[in-house]
N, C-alpha and C. Protein backbone atom coordinates (compact mmCIF):
# COMPACT_ATOMS: atom_id res chain seq x y z
N UNK A 1 -22.15 19.73 -15.78
CA UNK A 1 -21.08 19.73 -14.88
C UNK A 1 -21.30 20.23 -13.51
N UNK A 2 -22.49 20.92 -13.32
CA UNK A 2 -22.88 21.35 -12.02
C UNK A 2 -21.78 22.31 -11.42
N UNK A 3 -21.32 22.07 -10.09
CA UNK A 3 -20.50 23.02 -9.44
C UNK A 3 -19.04 22.58 -9.50
N UNK A 4 -18.74 21.29 -9.61
CA UNK A 4 -17.29 20.95 -9.74
C UNK A 4 -16.92 19.74 -8.82
N UNK A 5 -15.65 19.53 -8.81
CA UNK A 5 -15.09 18.40 -8.12
C UNK A 5 -13.70 18.64 -7.65
N UNK A 6 -13.22 18.03 -6.60
CA UNK A 6 -11.84 18.26 -6.09
C UNK A 6 -11.30 16.91 -5.57
N UNK A 7 -10.03 16.82 -5.79
CA UNK A 7 -9.14 15.75 -5.26
C UNK A 7 -8.57 16.41 -3.92
N UNK A 8 -8.88 15.81 -2.76
CA UNK A 8 -8.54 16.51 -1.51
C UNK A 8 -7.61 15.68 -0.68
N UNK A 9 -6.55 16.32 -0.10
CA UNK A 9 -5.67 15.76 0.89
C UNK A 9 -6.03 16.50 2.21
N UNK A 10 -6.20 15.75 3.30
CA UNK A 10 -6.52 16.32 4.52
C UNK A 10 -6.26 15.32 5.75
N UNK A 11 -6.16 15.82 6.97
CA UNK A 11 -5.96 14.91 8.06
C UNK A 11 -7.10 14.99 9.10
N UNK A 12 -8.32 15.40 8.68
CA UNK A 12 -9.41 15.61 9.59
C UNK A 12 -10.02 14.29 9.94
N UNK A 13 -10.25 13.47 8.88
CA UNK A 13 -10.94 12.20 9.14
C UNK A 13 -11.33 11.55 7.86
N UNK A 14 -11.87 10.36 7.94
CA UNK A 14 -12.20 9.60 6.82
C UNK A 14 -13.65 9.80 6.19
N UNK A 15 -14.44 10.51 6.96
CA UNK A 15 -15.81 10.72 6.51
C UNK A 15 -16.29 12.14 6.76
N UNK A 16 -15.59 13.11 6.21
CA UNK A 16 -15.89 14.55 6.43
C UNK A 16 -16.38 15.20 5.13
N UNK A 17 -17.21 16.30 5.23
CA UNK A 17 -17.59 16.99 4.09
C UNK A 17 -17.47 18.52 4.40
N UNK A 18 -17.43 19.28 3.45
CA UNK A 18 -17.34 20.77 3.48
C UNK A 18 -18.56 21.39 2.97
N UNK A 19 -18.54 22.65 2.73
CA UNK A 19 -19.61 23.44 2.19
C UNK A 19 -19.97 22.98 0.74
N UNK A 20 -21.31 23.02 0.50
CA UNK A 20 -21.78 22.53 -0.84
C UNK A 20 -21.71 23.68 -1.86
N UNK A 21 -22.37 23.40 -2.93
CA UNK A 21 -22.52 24.41 -4.02
C UNK A 21 -21.23 24.73 -4.68
N UNK A 22 -20.87 26.04 -4.90
CA UNK A 22 -19.59 26.33 -5.57
C UNK A 22 -18.39 26.03 -4.75
N UNK A 23 -18.61 25.68 -3.48
CA UNK A 23 -17.45 25.32 -2.63
C UNK A 23 -16.96 23.84 -2.83
N UNK A 24 -17.70 23.07 -3.70
CA UNK A 24 -17.47 21.77 -4.15
C UNK A 24 -17.14 20.77 -2.95
N UNK A 25 -17.69 21.07 -1.72
CA UNK A 25 -17.42 20.16 -0.65
C UNK A 25 -16.08 20.27 -0.14
N UNK A 26 -15.31 21.28 -0.53
CA UNK A 26 -13.85 21.41 -0.19
C UNK A 26 -13.58 22.49 0.86
N UNK A 27 -14.29 23.70 0.76
CA UNK A 27 -14.16 24.70 1.73
C UNK A 27 -14.83 24.34 3.04
N UNK A 28 -14.15 24.64 4.08
CA UNK A 28 -14.69 24.44 5.44
C UNK A 28 -14.86 22.92 5.76
N UNK A 29 -13.84 22.15 5.22
CA UNK A 29 -13.93 20.72 5.38
C UNK A 29 -13.91 20.35 6.79
N UNK A 30 -14.96 19.57 7.07
CA UNK A 30 -15.08 19.09 8.54
C UNK A 30 -15.37 20.20 9.56
N UNK A 31 -15.74 21.40 9.15
CA UNK A 31 -16.05 22.50 10.01
C UNK A 31 -14.79 23.28 10.29
N UNK A 32 -13.66 22.94 9.61
CA UNK A 32 -12.37 23.62 9.81
C UNK A 32 -12.16 24.64 8.67
N UNK A 33 -12.39 25.80 8.91
CA UNK A 33 -12.29 26.76 7.83
C UNK A 33 -10.77 27.00 7.47
N UNK A 34 -10.57 27.33 6.21
CA UNK A 34 -9.14 27.75 5.88
C UNK A 34 -8.35 26.52 5.58
N UNK A 35 -7.21 26.52 6.34
CA UNK A 35 -6.06 25.69 6.01
C UNK A 35 -6.10 24.21 6.30
N UNK A 36 -7.31 23.63 6.48
CA UNK A 36 -7.41 22.26 6.79
C UNK A 36 -7.28 21.25 5.66
N UNK A 37 -7.17 21.76 4.44
CA UNK A 37 -7.11 20.89 3.28
C UNK A 37 -6.18 21.37 2.12
N UNK A 38 -5.69 20.45 1.39
CA UNK A 38 -5.01 20.78 0.18
C UNK A 38 -5.60 20.02 -1.03
N UNK A 39 -5.76 20.71 -2.15
CA UNK A 39 -6.40 19.93 -3.26
C UNK A 39 -6.28 20.48 -4.56
N UNK A 40 -6.70 19.66 -5.49
CA UNK A 40 -6.79 20.04 -6.89
C UNK A 40 -8.31 20.29 -7.17
N UNK A 41 -8.67 21.50 -7.57
CA UNK A 41 -10.07 21.88 -7.65
C UNK A 41 -10.40 22.22 -9.05
N UNK A 42 -11.52 21.67 -9.56
CA UNK A 42 -12.11 22.11 -10.80
C UNK A 42 -13.54 22.63 -10.46
N UNK A 43 -13.68 23.95 -10.72
CA UNK A 43 -14.98 24.48 -10.49
C UNK A 43 -15.71 24.81 -11.75
N UNK A 44 -16.95 24.43 -11.92
CA UNK A 44 -17.56 24.63 -13.17
C UNK A 44 -18.90 25.44 -12.92
N UNK A 45 -19.84 25.24 -13.48
CA UNK A 45 -21.18 25.97 -13.54
C UNK A 45 -20.78 27.36 -14.06
N UNK A 46 -21.00 28.46 -13.17
CA UNK A 46 -20.62 29.82 -13.69
C UNK A 46 -19.28 30.21 -13.19
N UNK A 47 -18.52 29.36 -12.45
CA UNK A 47 -17.22 29.66 -11.93
C UNK A 47 -16.11 29.42 -12.89
N UNK A 48 -16.16 28.28 -13.56
CA UNK A 48 -15.10 27.85 -14.58
C UNK A 48 -13.64 28.20 -14.30
N UNK A 49 -13.27 27.53 -13.10
CA UNK A 49 -11.90 27.78 -12.54
C UNK A 49 -11.30 26.39 -12.35
N UNK A 50 -9.94 26.37 -12.29
CA UNK A 50 -9.26 25.28 -11.80
C UNK A 50 -7.97 25.58 -11.13
N UNK A 51 -7.36 24.71 -10.36
CA UNK A 51 -6.03 24.96 -9.75
C UNK A 51 -5.81 24.21 -8.51
N UNK A 52 -4.58 24.41 -8.02
CA UNK A 52 -4.07 23.82 -6.75
C UNK A 52 -4.43 24.81 -5.56
N UNK A 53 -5.08 24.32 -4.62
CA UNK A 53 -5.41 25.14 -3.45
C UNK A 53 -4.61 24.48 -2.26
N UNK A 54 -3.82 25.31 -1.57
CA UNK A 54 -2.98 24.78 -0.50
C UNK A 54 -3.55 25.24 0.98
N UNK A 55 -4.63 25.94 0.90
CA UNK A 55 -5.15 26.52 2.11
C UNK A 55 -6.69 26.24 2.34
N UNK A 56 -7.24 25.32 1.64
CA UNK A 56 -8.54 24.94 1.94
C UNK A 56 -9.61 25.89 1.33
N UNK A 57 -9.20 26.77 0.44
CA UNK A 57 -10.17 27.67 -0.14
C UNK A 57 -10.36 27.43 -1.64
N UNK A 58 -11.45 27.86 -2.24
CA UNK A 58 -11.74 27.70 -3.61
C UNK A 58 -11.61 29.03 -4.39
N UNK A 59 -11.22 30.09 -3.74
CA UNK A 59 -11.15 31.37 -4.45
C UNK A 59 -9.61 31.53 -4.97
N UNK A 60 -9.45 32.36 -5.91
CA UNK A 60 -8.09 32.56 -6.51
C UNK A 60 -7.56 31.53 -7.40
N UNK A 61 -8.43 30.80 -8.00
CA UNK A 61 -7.94 29.73 -8.95
C UNK A 61 -7.79 30.37 -10.23
N UNK A 62 -7.29 29.51 -11.18
CA UNK A 62 -7.12 29.94 -12.64
C UNK A 62 -8.42 29.98 -13.36
N UNK A 63 -8.65 31.01 -14.20
CA UNK A 63 -9.93 31.09 -14.99
C UNK A 63 -9.75 30.17 -16.19
N UNK A 64 -10.73 29.49 -16.56
CA UNK A 64 -10.81 28.64 -17.76
C UNK A 64 -10.86 29.48 -19.00
N UNK A 65 -10.58 28.92 -20.17
CA UNK A 65 -10.65 29.79 -21.39
C UNK A 65 -12.00 29.65 -21.98
N UNK A 66 -12.91 28.80 -21.51
CA UNK A 66 -14.23 28.66 -22.06
C UNK A 66 -15.08 28.19 -20.93
N UNK A 67 -16.42 28.32 -21.16
CA UNK A 67 -17.43 28.04 -20.19
C UNK A 67 -17.82 26.55 -20.09
N UNK A 68 -16.87 25.72 -19.59
CA UNK A 68 -17.17 24.31 -19.61
C UNK A 68 -18.25 23.85 -18.50
N UNK A 69 -18.63 24.83 -17.69
CA UNK A 69 -19.74 24.52 -16.73
C UNK A 69 -21.09 24.48 -17.28
N UNK A 70 -21.22 25.20 -18.33
CA UNK A 70 -22.62 25.28 -19.05
C UNK A 70 -22.89 24.18 -19.98
N UNK A 71 -21.91 23.29 -20.19
CA UNK A 71 -22.01 22.28 -21.20
C UNK A 71 -22.11 20.89 -20.63
N UNK A 72 -22.65 19.93 -21.40
CA UNK A 72 -22.71 18.53 -20.97
C UNK A 72 -21.61 17.76 -21.64
N UNK A 73 -21.46 16.63 -21.20
CA UNK A 73 -20.44 15.64 -21.77
C UNK A 73 -19.06 16.19 -21.86
N UNK A 74 -18.67 16.80 -20.69
CA UNK A 74 -17.20 17.16 -20.60
C UNK A 74 -16.50 16.02 -19.99
N UNK A 75 -15.50 15.67 -20.66
CA UNK A 75 -14.63 14.52 -20.18
C UNK A 75 -13.14 14.96 -20.16
N UNK A 76 -12.29 14.24 -19.47
CA UNK A 76 -10.98 14.59 -19.38
C UNK A 76 -10.14 13.68 -18.48
N UNK A 77 -8.89 14.01 -18.42
CA UNK A 77 -7.90 13.33 -17.57
C UNK A 77 -7.13 14.44 -16.81
N UNK A 78 -6.75 13.94 -15.56
CA UNK A 78 -5.95 14.90 -14.74
C UNK A 78 -5.06 14.04 -14.09
N UNK A 79 -3.69 14.50 -13.94
CA UNK A 79 -2.63 13.84 -13.16
C UNK A 79 -2.13 14.86 -12.09
N UNK A 80 -2.12 14.25 -10.79
CA UNK A 80 -1.56 15.05 -9.72
C UNK A 80 -0.33 14.41 -9.28
N UNK A 81 0.71 15.21 -9.12
CA UNK A 81 2.05 14.67 -8.64
C UNK A 81 2.51 15.60 -7.54
N UNK A 82 3.29 14.86 -6.66
CA UNK A 82 3.82 15.57 -5.45
C UNK A 82 5.30 15.17 -5.30
N UNK A 83 6.22 16.18 -5.26
CA UNK A 83 7.64 15.89 -5.11
C UNK A 83 7.90 16.15 -3.62
N UNK A 84 8.20 15.05 -2.90
CA UNK A 84 8.42 15.14 -1.41
C UNK A 84 9.80 15.94 -1.08
N UNK A 85 10.62 15.98 -2.08
CA UNK A 85 11.91 16.70 -1.78
C UNK A 85 11.68 18.18 -1.97
N UNK A 86 11.04 18.64 -3.04
CA UNK A 86 10.87 20.11 -3.36
C UNK A 86 9.57 20.58 -2.74
N UNK A 87 8.56 19.60 -2.33
CA UNK A 87 7.29 20.00 -1.76
C UNK A 87 6.45 20.68 -2.75
N UNK A 88 6.58 20.31 -4.17
CA UNK A 88 5.68 20.92 -4.99
C UNK A 88 4.67 19.94 -5.40
N UNK A 89 3.36 20.43 -5.34
CA UNK A 89 2.21 19.68 -5.67
C UNK A 89 1.76 20.28 -7.11
N UNK A 90 1.54 19.45 -8.12
CA UNK A 90 1.19 19.82 -9.47
C UNK A 90 0.03 19.21 -9.95
N UNK A 91 -0.70 19.79 -10.82
CA UNK A 91 -1.77 19.23 -11.56
C UNK A 91 -1.53 19.57 -13.06
N UNK A 92 -1.80 18.53 -13.84
CA UNK A 92 -1.88 18.69 -15.40
C UNK A 92 -2.95 17.87 -15.88
N UNK A 93 -3.59 18.33 -16.96
CA UNK A 93 -4.63 17.54 -17.52
C UNK A 93 -5.26 18.24 -18.65
N UNK A 94 -6.34 17.58 -19.24
CA UNK A 94 -6.98 18.15 -20.40
C UNK A 94 -8.48 17.73 -20.35
N UNK A 95 -9.34 18.72 -20.60
CA UNK A 95 -10.73 18.47 -20.55
C UNK A 95 -11.32 18.89 -21.94
N UNK A 96 -12.29 18.26 -22.44
CA UNK A 96 -12.93 18.57 -23.69
C UNK A 96 -14.46 18.28 -23.61
N UNK A 97 -15.21 18.91 -24.51
CA UNK A 97 -16.66 18.80 -24.56
C UNK A 97 -17.07 18.15 -25.99
N UNK A 98 -18.31 18.00 -26.13
CA UNK A 98 -18.82 17.41 -27.39
C UNK A 98 -18.78 18.42 -28.54
N UNK A 99 -18.56 19.73 -28.31
CA UNK A 99 -18.47 20.76 -29.29
C UNK A 99 -17.04 20.95 -29.78
N UNK A 100 -16.13 20.20 -29.18
CA UNK A 100 -14.64 20.36 -29.69
C UNK A 100 -13.85 21.33 -28.83
N UNK A 101 -14.33 21.91 -27.89
CA UNK A 101 -13.58 22.82 -26.96
C UNK A 101 -12.58 22.04 -26.10
N UNK A 102 -11.45 22.41 -25.96
CA UNK A 102 -10.43 21.74 -25.17
C UNK A 102 -9.80 22.71 -24.14
N UNK A 103 -9.67 22.24 -22.99
CA UNK A 103 -9.14 23.06 -21.92
C UNK A 103 -7.89 22.24 -21.29
N UNK A 104 -6.80 22.72 -21.54
CA UNK A 104 -5.58 22.13 -20.93
C UNK A 104 -5.37 22.83 -19.53
N UNK A 105 -5.21 22.00 -18.51
CA UNK A 105 -4.95 22.63 -17.12
C UNK A 105 -3.64 22.25 -16.65
N UNK A 106 -3.05 23.30 -15.93
CA UNK A 106 -1.65 23.15 -15.43
C UNK A 106 -1.55 24.09 -14.25
N UNK A 107 -1.13 23.61 -13.10
CA UNK A 107 -0.95 24.50 -12.00
C UNK A 107 -0.07 23.81 -10.94
N UNK A 108 0.58 24.54 -10.16
CA UNK A 108 1.43 23.96 -9.11
C UNK A 108 1.58 24.89 -8.00
N UNK A 109 1.90 24.36 -6.76
CA UNK A 109 2.08 25.24 -5.62
C UNK A 109 3.07 24.46 -4.72
N UNK A 110 3.74 25.15 -3.79
CA UNK A 110 4.63 24.54 -2.85
C UNK A 110 3.88 24.36 -1.63
N UNK A 111 3.89 23.18 -1.05
CA UNK A 111 3.24 22.83 0.28
C UNK A 111 4.02 21.58 0.85
N UNK A 112 4.45 21.67 2.09
CA UNK A 112 5.02 20.52 2.79
C UNK A 112 3.93 19.69 3.34
N UNK A 113 3.48 18.66 2.71
CA UNK A 113 2.30 17.82 3.20
C UNK A 113 2.65 17.20 4.52
N UNK A 114 3.89 16.82 4.66
CA UNK A 114 4.28 16.15 6.03
C UNK A 114 4.12 17.12 7.18
N UNK A 115 4.70 18.38 6.92
CA UNK A 115 4.57 19.42 8.00
C UNK A 115 3.16 19.80 8.26
N UNK A 116 2.36 19.85 7.19
CA UNK A 116 1.03 20.24 7.28
C UNK A 116 0.07 19.32 7.97
N UNK A 117 0.28 18.01 7.66
CA UNK A 117 -0.72 16.97 8.09
C UNK A 117 -0.08 15.98 9.18
N UNK A 118 1.16 16.07 9.36
CA UNK A 118 1.72 15.13 10.32
C UNK A 118 1.86 13.60 9.65
N UNK A 119 1.67 12.71 10.52
CA UNK A 119 1.80 11.25 10.14
C UNK A 119 0.59 10.64 9.52
N UNK A 120 -0.55 11.32 9.55
CA UNK A 120 -1.74 10.67 9.02
C UNK A 120 -2.40 11.73 8.02
N UNK A 121 -2.60 11.22 6.81
CA UNK A 121 -3.21 12.02 5.72
C UNK A 121 -4.30 11.18 5.08
N UNK A 122 -5.37 11.68 4.75
CA UNK A 122 -6.36 11.02 3.93
C UNK A 122 -6.46 11.74 2.57
N UNK A 123 -6.78 10.91 1.53
CA UNK A 123 -6.93 11.41 0.19
C UNK A 123 -8.33 11.08 -0.36
N UNK A 124 -9.05 11.84 -1.05
CA UNK A 124 -10.32 11.42 -1.55
C UNK A 124 -10.86 12.57 -2.47
N UNK A 125 -12.10 12.29 -3.03
CA UNK A 125 -12.68 13.16 -3.83
C UNK A 125 -14.01 13.76 -3.12
N UNK A 126 -14.27 15.05 -3.53
CA UNK A 126 -15.52 15.65 -3.07
C UNK A 126 -15.97 16.52 -4.27
N UNK A 127 -17.26 16.72 -4.22
CA UNK A 127 -17.80 17.50 -5.32
C UNK A 127 -19.22 18.02 -4.97
N UNK A 128 -19.77 18.85 -5.85
CA UNK A 128 -21.17 19.35 -5.62
C UNK A 128 -21.84 19.48 -7.01
N UNK A 129 -23.20 19.49 -6.86
CA UNK A 129 -23.99 19.56 -8.12
C UNK A 129 -24.93 20.74 -8.19
N UNK A 130 -24.81 21.52 -7.11
CA UNK A 130 -25.65 22.80 -7.09
C UNK A 130 -27.10 22.58 -7.30
N UNK A 131 -27.64 21.45 -6.85
CA UNK A 131 -29.07 21.10 -6.97
C UNK A 131 -29.37 20.63 -8.47
N UNK A 132 -28.43 20.59 -9.36
CA UNK A 132 -28.66 20.12 -10.66
C UNK A 132 -28.25 18.70 -10.79
N UNK A 133 -28.54 18.10 -11.89
CA UNK A 133 -28.18 16.67 -12.08
C UNK A 133 -26.61 16.72 -12.57
N UNK A 134 -25.89 15.87 -12.05
CA UNK A 134 -24.53 15.79 -12.55
C UNK A 134 -23.90 14.46 -12.36
N UNK A 135 -23.28 13.92 -13.36
CA UNK A 135 -22.70 12.63 -13.27
C UNK A 135 -21.13 12.79 -13.40
N UNK A 136 -20.62 12.93 -12.19
CA UNK A 136 -19.18 13.16 -12.04
C UNK A 136 -18.50 11.86 -11.72
N UNK A 137 -17.90 11.21 -12.66
CA UNK A 137 -17.20 9.93 -12.53
C UNK A 137 -15.78 9.98 -12.41
N UNK A 138 -15.32 9.20 -11.53
CA UNK A 138 -13.80 8.94 -11.38
C UNK A 138 -13.65 7.48 -11.94
N UNK A 139 -13.10 7.35 -13.14
CA UNK A 139 -13.00 6.07 -13.76
C UNK A 139 -11.74 5.39 -13.57
N UNK A 140 -10.71 6.12 -12.99
CA UNK A 140 -9.50 5.45 -12.67
C UNK A 140 -8.78 6.31 -11.67
N UNK A 141 -8.17 5.65 -10.68
CA UNK A 141 -7.49 6.32 -9.49
C UNK A 141 -6.36 5.46 -8.95
N UNK A 142 -5.17 5.93 -8.94
CA UNK A 142 -4.12 5.17 -8.36
C UNK A 142 -3.18 6.04 -7.55
N UNK A 143 -2.54 5.38 -6.62
CA UNK A 143 -1.53 6.16 -5.87
C UNK A 143 -0.30 5.33 -5.87
N UNK A 144 0.81 6.00 -6.27
CA UNK A 144 2.02 5.30 -6.18
C UNK A 144 3.09 6.10 -5.44
N UNK A 145 3.82 5.54 -4.60
CA UNK A 145 4.96 6.19 -3.90
C UNK A 145 6.27 6.08 -4.61
N UNK A 146 6.84 7.18 -4.80
CA UNK A 146 8.19 7.18 -5.34
C UNK A 146 9.22 7.50 -4.24
N UNK A 147 10.20 6.68 -4.05
CA UNK A 147 11.21 6.86 -2.99
C UNK A 147 11.81 8.19 -3.04
N UNK A 148 12.08 8.76 -1.94
CA UNK A 148 12.91 9.99 -1.86
C UNK A 148 14.31 9.74 -2.22
N UNK A 149 15.18 10.74 -2.64
CA UNK A 149 16.51 10.58 -2.88
C UNK A 149 17.31 9.94 -1.76
N UNK A 150 16.92 10.25 -0.55
CA UNK A 150 17.69 9.62 0.60
C UNK A 150 17.54 8.10 0.60
N UNK A 151 16.38 7.57 0.19
CA UNK A 151 16.07 6.15 0.07
C UNK A 151 17.10 5.54 -0.97
N UNK A 152 17.29 6.16 -2.12
CA UNK A 152 18.16 5.66 -3.07
C UNK A 152 19.65 5.64 -2.56
N UNK A 153 20.03 6.63 -1.88
CA UNK A 153 21.30 6.73 -1.33
C UNK A 153 21.59 5.56 -0.33
N UNK A 154 20.62 5.36 0.51
CA UNK A 154 20.77 4.22 1.51
C UNK A 154 20.82 2.90 0.78
N UNK A 155 20.04 2.78 -0.30
CA UNK A 155 20.08 1.50 -1.02
C UNK A 155 21.49 1.32 -1.73
N UNK A 156 21.98 2.28 -2.31
CA UNK A 156 23.32 2.29 -2.90
C UNK A 156 24.39 2.00 -1.86
N UNK A 157 24.38 2.57 -0.69
CA UNK A 157 25.29 2.36 0.29
C UNK A 157 25.18 0.94 0.77
N UNK A 158 23.94 0.44 0.96
CA UNK A 158 23.82 -0.91 1.42
C UNK A 158 24.32 -1.94 0.36
N UNK A 159 24.02 -1.70 -0.95
CA UNK A 159 24.61 -2.49 -1.95
C UNK A 159 26.09 -2.50 -2.03
N UNK A 160 26.71 -1.29 -1.78
CA UNK A 160 28.09 -1.21 -1.75
C UNK A 160 28.77 -2.02 -0.63
N UNK A 161 28.13 -2.01 0.55
CA UNK A 161 28.60 -2.73 1.65
C UNK A 161 28.52 -4.21 1.38
N UNK A 162 27.45 -4.73 0.75
CA UNK A 162 27.27 -6.01 0.42
C UNK A 162 28.34 -6.55 -0.52
N UNK A 163 28.55 -5.73 -1.60
CA UNK A 163 29.64 -6.00 -2.59
C UNK A 163 30.98 -6.10 -1.90
N UNK A 164 31.34 -5.10 -0.98
CA UNK A 164 32.61 -5.08 -0.31
C UNK A 164 32.75 -6.32 0.55
N UNK A 165 31.60 -6.81 1.25
CA UNK A 165 31.79 -8.08 2.01
C UNK A 165 32.01 -9.25 1.18
N UNK A 166 31.32 -9.30 0.01
CA UNK A 166 31.48 -10.45 -0.83
C UNK A 166 32.92 -10.48 -1.39
N UNK A 167 33.42 -9.35 -1.84
CA UNK A 167 34.82 -9.30 -2.30
C UNK A 167 35.85 -9.68 -1.32
N UNK A 168 35.55 -9.14 0.00
CA UNK A 168 36.46 -9.51 0.98
C UNK A 168 36.46 -10.97 1.41
N UNK A 169 35.29 -11.56 1.38
CA UNK A 169 35.16 -13.01 1.56
C UNK A 169 35.85 -13.81 0.57
N UNK A 170 35.76 -13.46 -0.77
CA UNK A 170 36.39 -14.15 -1.83
C UNK A 170 37.95 -14.07 -1.63
N UNK A 171 38.48 -12.85 -1.28
CA UNK A 171 39.91 -12.67 -1.05
C UNK A 171 40.40 -13.48 0.13
N UNK A 172 39.55 -13.72 1.08
CA UNK A 172 40.08 -14.45 2.26
C UNK A 172 39.99 -15.91 1.88
């Protein structure tokens, strides 16, 4: 597993890296220390931590219940969700190894991505191998936008107006 991997949201640019090693390419992203990034971080090797970071740092994450960094063949899934109304960024997932250990991950934090990044935001992955061999594969990735409640309200109002106009036309 080497040093870990992170799913990162940032507005610095499309081809930036951060510090290597245990910082999994996430800390000091693009030379901007601290608050330049938000991400879901999995740190392995001898760190064995996971969690949501809203300030571009890899410290202060949740400790794993077993040493998944020292093992090979760790696989898993992770889902990241963001609620634009409540500004809650969440991660859930499960990782397991060939020996039968399982690590269920869950974390969340409040961050207003729009206020933090403005109109442009990049999303991508970064990781580090600590000089060891590591095969960190992303085998599926998708982004889907869920309309905010205001969008539904506008849709319903629009449909109501169309219905009113049709009914009025029939009455005439």
